[in-house]
Amino acid sequence: MRCLYCGYEDSKVIDSRSAEEGRTIRRRRECFNCGRRFTTYETIEDTPVLVVKTNGARQAFDAQKIKNGIIKSCEKRPVSMNSIDEMVLAVTKEVYNSMEQEISSKAIGELVMTELKKYDEVAYVRYASVYRSFKDISSFLEELQTLMDSKK
């Protein structure tokens, strides 16, 4: 494995641990050249799941896009990075456990909103406002009312 810092092509594994419920192996490495340490991850290669966008276009499922959207909706909110990773993992598991080769972007958005609602209601409403493309204040208020009703 090439060193992240000096580019040397040889390093030794110092520690290996299972991560993400056994789906990933986290390895701590040390460069033979500069002695600095870095982390690598080894994951199982999954069969690609295609996301069907609203315009009919298809693209490979990318958990990083889910993470970016969640991070954006959680900006300035008390949601830890660990919680965000848990949400991304939960959504990714749902997508792959569906055993479908294609999933609609709408279904993924619903999965993300379900997870966000568990952690932070403000982040949920932020995500929903973009995802559901609220046209006016009344549609926004309807979503808030639904959220308030579900809390009762």
N, C-alpha and C. Protein backbone atom coordinates (compact mmCIF):
# COMPACT_ATOMS: atom_id res chain seq x y z
N MET A 1 0.85 -1.17 0.00
CA MET A 1 0.00 0.00 0.00
C MET A 1 0.89 1.24 0.00
N ARG A 2 0.64 2.15 -0.91
CA ARG A 2 1.43 3.37 -1.05
C ARG A 2 1.17 4.31 0.13
N CYS A 3 2.25 4.88 0.68
CA CYS A 3 2.16 5.80 1.81
C CYS A 3 1.44 7.08 1.39
N LEU A 4 0.52 7.50 2.22
CA LEU A 4 -0.25 8.71 1.98
C LEU A 4 0.62 9.96 2.03
N TYR A 5 1.72 9.91 2.79
CA TYR A 5 2.53 11.09 3.03
C TYR A 5 3.74 11.22 2.10
N CYS A 6 4.48 10.11 1.93
CA CYS A 6 5.70 10.22 1.12
C CYS A 6 5.62 9.45 -0.20
N GLY A 7 4.58 8.65 -0.39
CA GLY A 7 4.40 7.93 -1.65
C GLY A 7 5.18 6.63 -1.75
N TYR A 8 5.91 6.26 -0.70
CA TYR A 8 6.67 5.01 -0.70
C TYR A 8 5.69 3.84 -0.82
N GLU A 9 6.09 2.82 -1.58
CA GLU A 9 5.14 1.76 -1.91
C GLU A 9 5.10 0.58 -0.95
N ASP A 10 5.77 0.68 0.18
CA ASP A 10 5.76 -0.45 1.10
C ASP A 10 5.46 0.02 2.52
N SER A 11 4.58 -0.71 3.18
CA SER A 11 4.21 -0.39 4.56
C SER A 11 3.88 -1.69 5.27
N LYS A 12 3.83 -1.62 6.59
CA LYS A 12 3.45 -2.82 7.34
C LYS A 12 2.15 -2.56 8.08
N VAL A 13 1.37 -3.63 8.25
CA VAL A 13 0.11 -3.55 8.98
C VAL A 13 0.43 -3.66 10.47
N ILE A 14 -0.02 -2.67 11.23
CA ILE A 14 0.20 -2.65 12.67
C ILE A 14 -1.00 -3.26 13.39
N ASP A 15 -2.20 -2.95 12.88
CA ASP A 15 -3.42 -3.40 13.54
C ASP A 15 -4.51 -3.59 12.50
N SER A 16 -5.31 -4.63 12.66
CA SER A 16 -6.47 -4.87 11.79
C SER A 16 -7.70 -5.08 12.67
N ARG A 17 -8.79 -4.43 12.29
CA ARG A 17 -10.04 -4.57 13.05
C ARG A 17 -11.21 -4.61 12.09
N SER A 18 -12.23 -5.30 12.51
CA SER A 18 -13.46 -5.34 11.75
C SER A 18 -14.20 -4.03 11.98
N ALA A 19 -14.84 -3.51 10.95
CA ALA A 19 -15.61 -2.27 11.07
C ALA A 19 -16.92 -2.43 10.31
N GLU A 20 -17.86 -1.54 10.58
CA GLU A 20 -19.17 -1.54 9.90
C GLU A 20 -19.81 -2.92 9.91
N GLU A 21 -19.91 -3.47 11.12
CA GLU A 21 -20.56 -4.77 11.32
C GLU A 21 -19.96 -5.88 10.47
N GLY A 22 -18.65 -5.87 10.36
CA GLY A 22 -17.96 -6.94 9.65
C GLY A 22 -17.90 -6.79 8.14
N ARG A 23 -18.43 -5.71 7.60
CA ARG A 23 -18.41 -5.51 6.15
C ARG A 23 -17.10 -4.88 5.68
N THR A 24 -16.32 -4.38 6.62
CA THR A 24 -15.09 -3.68 6.28
C THR A 24 -13.98 -4.08 7.26
N ILE A 25 -12.75 -4.08 6.77
CA ILE A 25 -11.61 -4.29 7.65
C ILE A 25 -10.81 -2.99 7.67
N ARG A 26 -10.59 -2.48 8.87
CA ARG A 26 -9.82 -1.25 9.07
C ARG A 26 -8.41 -1.65 9.42
N ARG A 27 -7.45 -1.14 8.68
CA ARG A 27 -6.05 -1.49 8.93
C ARG A 27 -5.23 -0.23 9.23
N ARG A 28 -4.48 -0.27 10.33
CA ARG A 28 -3.52 0.78 10.63
C ARG A 28 -2.20 0.33 10.04
N ARG A 29 -1.56 1.20 9.30
CA ARG A 29 -0.31 0.86 8.63
C ARG A 29 0.78 1.84 9.02
N GLU A 30 2.03 1.40 8.88
CA GLU A 30 3.18 2.25 9.13
C GLU A 30 4.12 2.17 7.93
N CYS A 31 4.49 3.33 7.41
CA CYS A 31 5.37 3.39 6.25
C CYS A 31 6.79 3.00 6.64
N PHE A 32 7.42 2.14 5.82
CA PHE A 32 8.80 1.75 6.07
C PHE A 32 9.78 2.91 5.82
N ASN A 33 9.40 3.83 4.97
CA ASN A 33 10.29 4.93 4.60
C ASN A 33 10.26 6.08 5.61
N CYS A 34 9.07 6.67 5.82
CA CYS A 34 8.98 7.86 6.67
C CYS A 34 8.51 7.55 8.09
N GLY A 35 7.98 6.35 8.31
CA GLY A 35 7.56 5.96 9.65
C GLY A 35 6.20 6.48 10.08
N ARG A 36 5.55 7.25 9.23
CA ARG A 36 4.23 7.80 9.59
C ARG A 36 3.17 6.72 9.47
N ARG A 37 2.09 6.90 10.21
CA ARG A 37 1.02 5.92 10.23
C ARG A 37 -0.21 6.46 9.51
N PHE A 38 -0.95 5.54 8.90
CA PHE A 38 -2.18 5.91 8.21
C PHE A 38 -3.14 4.74 8.24
N THR A 39 -4.39 5.00 7.92
CA THR A 39 -5.44 3.99 7.98
C THR A 39 -5.94 3.68 6.58
N THR A 40 -6.16 2.39 6.33
CA THR A 40 -6.78 1.96 5.08
C THR A 40 -7.99 1.10 5.42
N TYR A 41 -8.90 0.98 4.46
CA TYR A 41 -10.10 0.16 4.65
C TYR A 41 -10.21 -0.82 3.50
N GLU A 42 -10.57 -2.04 3.82
CA GLU A 42 -10.79 -3.08 2.83
C GLU A 42 -12.27 -3.45 2.91
N THR A 43 -12.97 -3.37 1.78
CA THR A 43 -14.40 -3.66 1.80
C THR A 43 -14.75 -4.74 0.79
N ILE A 44 -15.91 -5.33 1.00
CA ILE A 44 -16.43 -6.34 0.09
C ILE A 44 -16.94 -5.63 -1.15
N GLU A 45 -16.63 -6.17 -2.31
CA GLU A 45 -17.12 -5.57 -3.54
C GLU A 45 -18.57 -6.01 -3.74
N ASP A 46 -19.45 -5.04 -3.74
CA ASP A 46 -20.88 -5.33 -3.88
C ASP A 46 -21.31 -5.29 -5.33
N THR A 47 -22.39 -6.00 -5.61
CA THR A 47 -22.99 -5.89 -6.94
C THR A 47 -23.59 -4.50 -7.02
N PRO A 48 -23.34 -3.79 -8.09
CA PRO A 48 -23.83 -2.42 -8.15
C PRO A 48 -25.36 -2.34 -8.17
N VAL A 49 -25.86 -1.38 -7.44
CA VAL A 49 -27.29 -1.07 -7.45
C VAL A 49 -27.42 0.24 -8.20
N LEU A 50 -28.32 0.28 -9.16
CA LEU A 50 -28.52 1.50 -9.93
C LEU A 50 -29.64 2.33 -9.31
N VAL A 51 -29.41 3.63 -9.24
CA VAL A 51 -30.41 4.56 -8.75
C VAL A 51 -31.11 5.15 -9.96
N VAL A 52 -32.45 5.04 -9.96
CA VAL A 52 -33.24 5.59 -11.05
C VAL A 52 -33.69 6.98 -10.62
N LYS A 53 -33.17 7.99 -11.30
CA LYS A 53 -33.49 9.38 -10.98
C LYS A 53 -34.89 9.71 -11.48
N THR A 54 -35.42 10.85 -11.05
CA THR A 54 -36.78 11.24 -11.44
C THR A 54 -36.90 11.49 -12.95
N ASN A 55 -35.79 11.85 -13.59
CA ASN A 55 -35.84 12.08 -15.04
C ASN A 55 -35.61 10.79 -15.84
N GLY A 56 -35.47 9.65 -15.13
CA GLY A 56 -35.28 8.37 -15.80
C GLY A 56 -33.84 7.95 -15.96
N ALA A 57 -32.92 8.86 -15.70
CA ALA A 57 -31.49 8.52 -15.81
C ALA A 57 -31.11 7.54 -14.71
N ARG A 58 -30.10 6.73 -14.99
CA ARG A 58 -29.63 5.75 -14.02
C ARG A 58 -28.16 5.99 -13.71
N GLN A 59 -27.82 5.83 -12.43
CA GLN A 59 -26.43 5.92 -12.03
C GLN A 59 -26.20 5.00 -10.84
N ALA A 60 -24.94 4.62 -10.64
CA ALA A 60 -24.60 3.70 -9.55
C ALA A 60 -24.88 4.34 -8.20
N PHE A 61 -25.37 3.52 -7.28
CA PHE A 61 -25.61 3.98 -5.90
C PHE A 61 -24.29 4.41 -5.29
N ASP A 62 -24.29 5.56 -4.64
CA ASP A 62 -23.08 6.10 -4.03
C ASP A 62 -23.41 6.57 -2.61
N ALA A 63 -22.94 5.83 -1.62
CA ALA A 63 -23.21 6.17 -0.22
C ALA A 63 -22.63 7.53 0.15
N GLN A 64 -21.58 7.95 -0.54
CA GLN A 64 -20.97 9.25 -0.25
C GLN A 64 -21.95 10.39 -0.55
N LYS A 65 -22.78 10.22 -1.58
CA LYS A 65 -23.78 11.25 -1.89
C LYS A 65 -24.81 11.35 -0.76
N ILE A 66 -25.17 10.20 -0.20
CA ILE A 66 -26.10 10.17 0.93
C ILE A 66 -25.46 10.92 2.10
N LYS A 67 -24.21 10.60 2.37
CA LYS A 67 -23.49 11.23 3.48
C LYS A 67 -23.40 12.74 3.29
N ASN A 68 -23.09 13.19 2.09
CA ASN A 68 -22.99 14.63 1.82
C ASN A 68 -24.32 15.33 2.07
N GLY A 69 -25.43 14.71 1.64
CA GLY A 69 -26.75 15.30 1.86
C GLY A 69 -27.10 15.37 3.33
N ILE A 70 -26.77 14.33 4.07
CA ILE A 70 -27.06 14.31 5.51
C ILE A 70 -26.20 15.35 6.22
N ILE A 71 -24.93 15.44 5.85
CA ILE A 71 -24.05 16.43 6.47
C ILE A 71 -24.59 17.84 6.23
N LYS A 72 -25.03 18.10 5.02
CA LYS A 72 -25.56 19.42 4.69
C LYS A 72 -26.80 19.75 5.52
N SER A 73 -27.69 18.76 5.70
CA SER A 73 -28.91 19.01 6.46
C SER A 73 -28.63 19.12 7.97
N CYS A 74 -27.52 18.56 8.42
CA CYS A 74 -27.17 18.59 9.85
C CYS A 74 -26.23 19.74 10.21
N GLU A 75 -25.94 20.61 9.24
CA GLU A 75 -25.05 21.74 9.52
C GLU A 75 -25.55 22.55 10.69
N LYS A 76 -24.63 22.86 11.61
CA LYS A 76 -24.92 23.67 12.80
C LYS A 76 -25.96 23.02 13.71
N ARG A 77 -26.06 21.70 13.65
CA ARG A 77 -26.95 20.94 14.51
C ARG A 77 -26.11 20.02 15.38
N PRO A 78 -26.62 19.62 16.54
CA PRO A 78 -25.83 18.78 17.45
C PRO A 78 -25.86 17.29 17.06
N VAL A 79 -25.48 17.00 15.83
CA VAL A 79 -25.46 15.62 15.34
C VAL A 79 -24.00 15.25 15.09
N SER A 80 -23.56 14.21 15.78
CA SER A 80 -22.15 13.81 15.68
C SER A 80 -21.87 13.13 14.34
N MET A 81 -20.60 13.12 13.97
CA MET A 81 -20.18 12.44 12.75
C MET A 81 -20.46 10.95 12.87
N ASN A 82 -20.33 10.41 14.06
CA ASN A 82 -20.62 9.01 14.30
C ASN A 82 -22.10 8.71 13.99
N SER A 83 -22.99 9.61 14.41
CA SER A 83 -24.42 9.44 14.11
C SER A 83 -24.69 9.51 12.62
N ILE A 84 -24.00 10.41 11.94
CA ILE A 84 -24.15 10.54 10.49
C ILE A 84 -23.71 9.25 9.81
N ASP A 85 -22.57 8.71 10.25
CA ASP A 85 -22.09 7.44 9.70
C ASP A 85 -23.09 6.31 9.94
N GLU A 86 -23.71 6.31 11.11
CA GLU A 86 -24.73 5.29 11.43
C GLU A 86 -25.92 5.42 10.49
N MET A 87 -26.34 6.66 10.21
CA MET A 87 -27.46 6.87 9.29
C MET A 87 -27.12 6.38 7.89
N VAL A 88 -25.92 6.72 7.42
CA VAL A 88 -25.49 6.31 6.08
C VAL A 88 -25.44 4.78 6.00
N LEU A 89 -24.90 4.16 7.04
CA LEU A 89 -24.82 2.70 7.07
C LEU A 89 -26.21 2.07 7.04
N ALA A 90 -27.15 2.63 7.81
CA ALA A 90 -28.52 2.11 7.84
C ALA A 90 -29.18 2.22 6.47
N VAL A 91 -29.03 3.36 5.80
CA VAL A 91 -29.61 3.54 4.48
C VAL A 91 -28.96 2.59 3.47
N THR A 92 -27.64 2.48 3.53
CA THR A 92 -26.92 1.60 2.61
C THR A 92 -27.36 0.15 2.80
N LYS A 93 -27.51 -0.26 4.06
CA LYS A 93 -27.97 -1.63 4.34
C LYS A 93 -29.36 -1.87 3.75
N GLU A 94 -30.23 -0.91 3.93
CA GLU A 94 -31.59 -1.05 3.38
C GLU A 94 -31.56 -1.18 1.86
N VAL A 95 -30.74 -0.37 1.22
CA VAL A 95 -30.65 -0.40 -0.25
C VAL A 95 -30.17 -1.77 -0.72
N TYR A 96 -29.10 -2.27 -0.11
CA TYR A 96 -28.54 -3.55 -0.54
C TYR A 96 -29.39 -4.74 -0.08
N ASN A 97 -30.05 -4.61 1.06
CA ASN A 97 -30.89 -5.71 1.55
C ASN A 97 -32.19 -5.85 0.77
N SER A 98 -32.52 -4.83 -0.01
CA SER A 98 -33.75 -4.92 -0.82
C SER A 98 -33.61 -5.96 -1.92
N MET A 99 -32.35 -6.34 -2.22
CA MET A 99 -32.05 -7.35 -3.25
C MET A 99 -32.50 -6.91 -4.64
N GLU A 100 -32.78 -5.65 -4.81
CA GLU A 100 -33.15 -5.10 -6.12
C GLU A 100 -31.91 -4.58 -6.81
N GLN A 101 -31.90 -4.67 -8.14
CA GLN A 101 -30.77 -4.12 -8.89
C GLN A 101 -30.95 -2.64 -9.17
N GLU A 102 -32.19 -2.17 -9.04
CA GLU A 102 -32.49 -0.74 -9.24
C GLU A 102 -33.39 -0.26 -8.11
N ILE A 103 -33.16 0.98 -7.70
CA ILE A 103 -33.98 1.61 -6.67
C ILE A 103 -34.19 3.06 -7.07
N SER A 104 -35.37 3.58 -6.81
CA SER A 104 -35.65 4.96 -7.20
C SER A 104 -35.01 5.93 -6.22
N SER A 105 -34.64 7.08 -6.72
CA SER A 105 -34.05 8.11 -5.86
C SER A 105 -35.08 8.55 -4.81
N LYS A 106 -36.34 8.45 -5.17
CA LYS A 106 -37.43 8.79 -4.24
C LYS A 106 -37.41 7.86 -3.03
N ALA A 107 -37.23 6.56 -3.27
CA ALA A 107 -37.18 5.59 -2.18
C ALA A 107 -35.97 5.84 -1.28
N ILE A 108 -34.84 6.19 -1.87
CA ILE A 108 -33.64 6.48 -1.08
C ILE A 108 -33.88 7.73 -0.23
N GLY A 109 -34.50 8.73 -0.81
CA GLY A 109 -34.82 9.95 -0.06
C GLY A 109 -35.70 9.66 1.15
N GLU A 110 -36.68 8.78 0.97
CA GLU A 110 -37.56 8.40 2.08
C GLU A 110 -36.77 7.68 3.18
N LEU A 111 -35.84 6.81 2.78
CA LEU A 111 -35.00 6.11 3.76
C LEU A 111 -34.15 7.11 4.56
N VAL A 112 -33.58 8.09 3.86
CA VAL A 112 -32.76 9.10 4.53
C VAL A 112 -33.61 9.90 5.50
N MET A 113 -34.81 10.29 5.08
CA MET A 113 -35.67 11.08 5.97
C MET A 113 -36.09 10.28 7.20
N THR A 114 -36.33 8.99 7.03
CA THR A 114 -36.68 8.14 8.17
C THR A 114 -35.54 8.14 9.19
N GLU A 115 -34.32 8.02 8.71
CA GLU A 115 -33.16 8.03 9.61
C GLU A 115 -32.97 9.40 10.26
N LEU A 116 -33.08 10.47 9.47
CA LEU A 116 -32.88 11.81 10.02
C LEU A 116 -33.91 12.13 11.11
N LYS A 117 -35.13 11.66 10.92
CA LYS A 117 -36.19 11.93 11.88
C LYS A 117 -35.84 11.34 13.25
N LYS A 118 -35.12 10.23 13.27
CA LYS A 118 -34.72 9.59 14.53
C LYS A 118 -33.68 10.41 15.29
N TYR A 119 -32.85 11.16 14.57
CA TYR A 119 -31.72 11.85 15.19
C TYR A 119 -31.98 13.34 15.44
N ASP A 120 -32.58 14.03 14.48
CA ASP A 120 -32.74 15.47 14.61
C ASP A 120 -33.88 15.95 13.71
N GLU A 121 -34.91 16.50 14.32
CA GLU A 121 -36.09 16.93 13.56
C GLU A 121 -35.82 18.13 12.67
N VAL A 122 -34.95 19.02 13.10
CA VAL A 122 -34.63 20.19 12.28
C VAL A 122 -33.89 19.74 11.02
N ALA A 123 -32.93 18.84 11.18
CA ALA A 123 -32.21 18.30 10.03
C ALA A 123 -33.17 17.57 9.09
N TYR A 124 -34.13 16.87 9.69
CA TYR A 124 -35.15 16.17 8.89
C TYR A 124 -35.93 17.16 8.03
N VAL A 125 -36.38 18.25 8.64
CA VAL A 125 -37.18 19.25 7.91
C VAL A 125 -36.32 19.92 6.84
N ARG A 126 -35.07 20.18 7.13
CA ARG A 126 -34.17 20.76 6.12
C ARG A 126 -34.05 19.84 4.91
N TYR A 127 -33.81 18.56 5.19
CA TYR A 127 -33.66 17.59 4.10
C TYR A 127 -34.97 17.48 3.31
N ALA A 128 -36.08 17.40 4.04
CA ALA A 128 -37.38 17.27 3.40
C ALA A 128 -37.70 18.48 2.53
N SER A 129 -37.28 19.67 2.97
CA SER A 129 -37.59 20.87 2.19
C SER A 129 -36.90 20.84 0.83
N VAL A 130 -35.71 20.28 0.76
CA VAL A 130 -35.00 20.16 -0.52
C VAL A 130 -35.53 18.95 -1.29
N TYR A 131 -35.66 17.83 -0.59
CA TYR A 131 -36.06 16.58 -1.23
C TYR A 131 -37.47 16.65 -1.81
N ARG A 132 -38.38 17.22 -1.04
CA ARG A 132 -39.78 17.30 -1.50
C ARG A 132 -40.08 18.57 -2.27
N SER A 133 -39.11 19.41 -2.46
CA SER A 133 -39.24 20.65 -3.24
C SER A 133 -40.50 21.42 -2.88
N PHE A 134 -40.58 21.86 -1.63
CA PHE A 134 -41.74 22.62 -1.20
C PHE A 134 -41.94 23.82 -2.11
N LYS A 135 -43.15 23.95 -2.62
CA LYS A 135 -43.46 25.04 -3.56
C LYS A 135 -43.80 26.34 -2.83
N ASP A 136 -44.40 26.21 -1.65
CA ASP A 136 -44.79 27.39 -0.90
C ASP A 136 -44.81 27.08 0.59
N ILE A 137 -45.17 28.07 1.37
CA ILE A 137 -45.14 27.92 2.83
C ILE A 137 -46.18 26.92 3.32
N SER A 138 -47.30 26.78 2.62
CA SER A 138 -48.33 25.85 3.08
C SER A 138 -47.86 24.40 3.01
N SER A 139 -47.14 24.04 1.96
CA SER A 139 -46.62 22.66 1.88
C SER A 139 -45.57 22.42 2.96
N PHE A 140 -44.82 23.47 3.29
CA PHE A 140 -43.83 23.38 4.37
C PHE A 140 -44.55 23.18 5.70
N LEU A 141 -45.61 23.94 5.92
CA LEU A 141 -46.38 23.82 7.17
C LEU A 141 -47.06 22.46 7.28
N GLU A 142 -47.51 21.90 6.16
CA GLU A 142 -48.12 20.57 6.18
C GLU A 142 -47.11 19.54 6.67
N GLU A 143 -45.88 19.63 6.21
CA GLU A 143 -44.83 18.70 6.64
C GLU A 143 -44.55 18.87 8.13
N LEU A 144 -44.50 20.11 8.59
CA LEU A 144 -44.29 20.35 10.02
C LEU A 144 -45.45 19.79 10.85
N GLN A 145 -46.66 19.96 10.36
CA GLN A 145 -47.83 19.44 11.08
C GLN A 145 -47.78 17.92 11.15
N THR A 146 -47.39 17.27 10.05
CA THR A 146 -47.25 15.82 10.04
C THR A 146 -46.22 15.38 11.05
N LEU A 147 -45.11 16.10 11.13
CA LEU A 147 -44.06 15.78 12.08
C LEU A 147 -44.57 15.95 13.53
N MET A 148 -45.30 17.03 13.78
CA MET A 148 -45.84 17.27 15.12
C MET A 148 -46.87 16.21 15.51
N ASP A 149 -47.70 15.80 14.55
CA ASP A 149 -48.70 14.77 14.81
C ASP A 149 -48.06 13.43 15.13
N SER A 150 -46.96 13.12 14.46
CA SER A 150 -46.29 11.84 14.69
C SER A 150 -45.61 11.79 16.05
N LYS A 151 -45.30 12.94 16.63
CA LYS A 151 -44.67 12.99 17.96
C LYS A 151 -45.67 12.71 19.08
N LYS A 152 -46.95 12.92 18.79
CA LYS A 152 -47.98 12.76 19.83
C LYS A 152 -48.24 11.34 20.17
